[in-house]
């Protein structure tokens, strides 16, 4: 994969809901290209004998027991919802044409 095109950077900015001015688009094109170049370097590393891990350093993160507890009443759960449709929370569509 070569350098990112201006159109690709504009599409990424749109997906991230960022408004970038032309100089910012130029800077992002260079910065994202450099990031992708680093990933290409990492991708060729031989990881055949490397055990998969979830964290870069040893970590102990105890989890609480998964015990069922009473839920909020529907009215209380929906109290702060900006838009509702019956017992559902209405959110903006994120996919084009999914309105």
Protein backbone atom coordinates (compact mmCIF):
# COMPACT_ATOMS: atom_id res chain seq x y z
CA UNK A 1 0.00 0.00 0.00
CA UNK A 2 1.42 3.36 -1.00
CA UNK A 3 0.95 6.84 0.35
CA UNK A 4 -2.55 7.87 1.39
CA UNK A 5 -4.38 10.04 -1.12
CA UNK A 6 -5.98 13.33 -0.21
CA UNK A 7 -9.41 11.76 -0.88
CA UNK A 8 -8.66 8.90 1.56
CA UNK A 9 -7.68 11.40 4.26
CA UNK A 10 -10.88 13.38 3.63
CA UNK A 11 -12.93 10.17 3.97
CA UNK A 12 -11.15 9.24 7.22
CA UNK A 13 -11.80 12.74 8.59
CA UNK A 14 -15.46 12.48 7.60
CA UNK A 15 -15.79 9.09 9.34
CA UNK A 16 -14.15 10.58 12.46
CA UNK A 17 -16.51 13.56 12.16
CA UNK A 18 -13.59 15.96 11.93
CA UNK A 19 -13.62 19.17 9.96
CA UNK A 20 -10.10 19.71 8.68
CA UNK A 21 -8.90 22.75 6.78
CA UNK A 22 -6.67 22.17 3.71
CA UNK A 23 -3.38 22.67 5.64
CA UNK A 24 -4.61 20.21 8.29
CA UNK A 25 -5.50 17.68 5.59
CA UNK A 26 -1.97 17.98 4.22
CA UNK A 27 -0.49 17.40 7.68
CA UNK A 28 -2.80 14.44 8.34
CA UNK A 29 -1.88 12.92 4.98
CA UNK A 30 1.79 12.93 6.03
CA UNK A 31 1.18 11.84 9.65
CA UNK A 32 -1.22 9.00 8.79
CA UNK A 33 1.15 7.88 6.05
CA UNK A 34 3.98 7.69 8.58
CA UNK A 35 1.81 5.68 10.98
CA UNK A 36 0.91 3.22 8.22
CA UNK A 37 4.59 2.91 7.29
CA UNK A 38 5.34 1.90 10.90
CA UNK A 39 2.60 -0.74 10.72
CA UNK A 40 4.11 -2.09 7.50
CA UNK A 41 7.47 -2.39 9.29
CA UNK A 42 5.86 -4.24 12.20
CA UNK A 43 3.85 -6.52 9.88
CA UNK A 44 6.99 -8.18 8.49
CA UNK A 45 8.32 -9.15 11.94
CA UNK A 46 8.47 -12.91 12.50
CA UNK A 47 6.08 -13.70 15.36
CA UNK A 48 6.00 -17.46 14.85
CA UNK A 49 7.25 -18.29 18.36
CA UNK A 50 5.72 -15.32 20.17
CA UNK A 51 2.86 -16.15 22.51
CA UNK A 52 -0.22 -13.90 22.11
CA UNK A 53 -0.80 -11.41 24.92
CA UNK A 54 -3.45 -8.88 25.88
CA UNK A 55 -1.10 -6.29 27.43
CA UNK A 56 2.48 -5.21 26.77
CA UNK A 57 3.35 -5.55 30.45
CA UNK A 58 2.15 -8.10 33.03
CA UNK A 59 -1.11 -6.93 34.48
CA UNK A 60 -3.43 -8.24 37.15
CA UNK A 61 -6.93 -6.93 36.71
CA UNK A 62 -9.33 -8.84 38.94
CA UNK A 63 -12.90 -8.78 37.75
CA UNK A 64 -15.92 -8.74 39.97
CA UNK A 65 -18.09 -11.85 39.91
CA UNK A 66 -20.72 -11.83 37.17
CA UNK A 67 -23.80 -11.96 39.36
CA UNK A 68 -27.26 -11.00 38.06
CA UNK A 69 -28.71 -7.97 39.81
CA UNK A 70 -32.01 -6.13 39.43
CA UNK A 71 -32.23 -3.81 36.42
CA UNK A 72 -33.35 -0.20 36.43
CA UNK A 73 -37.06 0.33 35.84
CA UNK A 74 -37.66 1.23 32.16
CA UNK A 75 -38.96 4.72 33.01
CA UNK A 76 -35.85 5.51 35.05
CA UNK A 77 -33.49 4.13 32.39
CA UNK A 78 -35.16 6.25 29.70
CA UNK A 79 -35.50 9.39 31.84
CA UNK A 80 -32.39 11.11 30.40
CA UNK A 81 -32.81 9.85 26.81
CA UNK A 82 -32.96 12.85 24.46
CA UNK A 83 -35.31 11.03 22.03
CA UNK A 84 -37.48 7.98 22.57
CA UNK A 85 -39.79 5.75 20.59
CA UNK A 86 -41.84 3.88 23.16
CA UNK A 87 -39.37 1.94 25.30
CA UNK A 88 -36.49 2.50 22.84
CA UNK A 89 -33.81 5.20 22.75
CA UNK A 90 -33.57 6.86 19.33
CA UNK A 91 -30.03 7.64 18.21
CA UNK A 92 -28.69 9.27 15.01
CA UNK A 93 -27.94 6.94 12.12
CA UNK A 94 -24.22 6.43 11.53
CA UNK A 95 -24.43 4.62 8.21
CA UNK A 96 -25.32 6.57 5.06
CA UNK A 97 -28.89 5.81 3.97
CA UNK A 98 -29.81 4.12 7.27
CA UNK A 99 -32.10 6.95 8.41
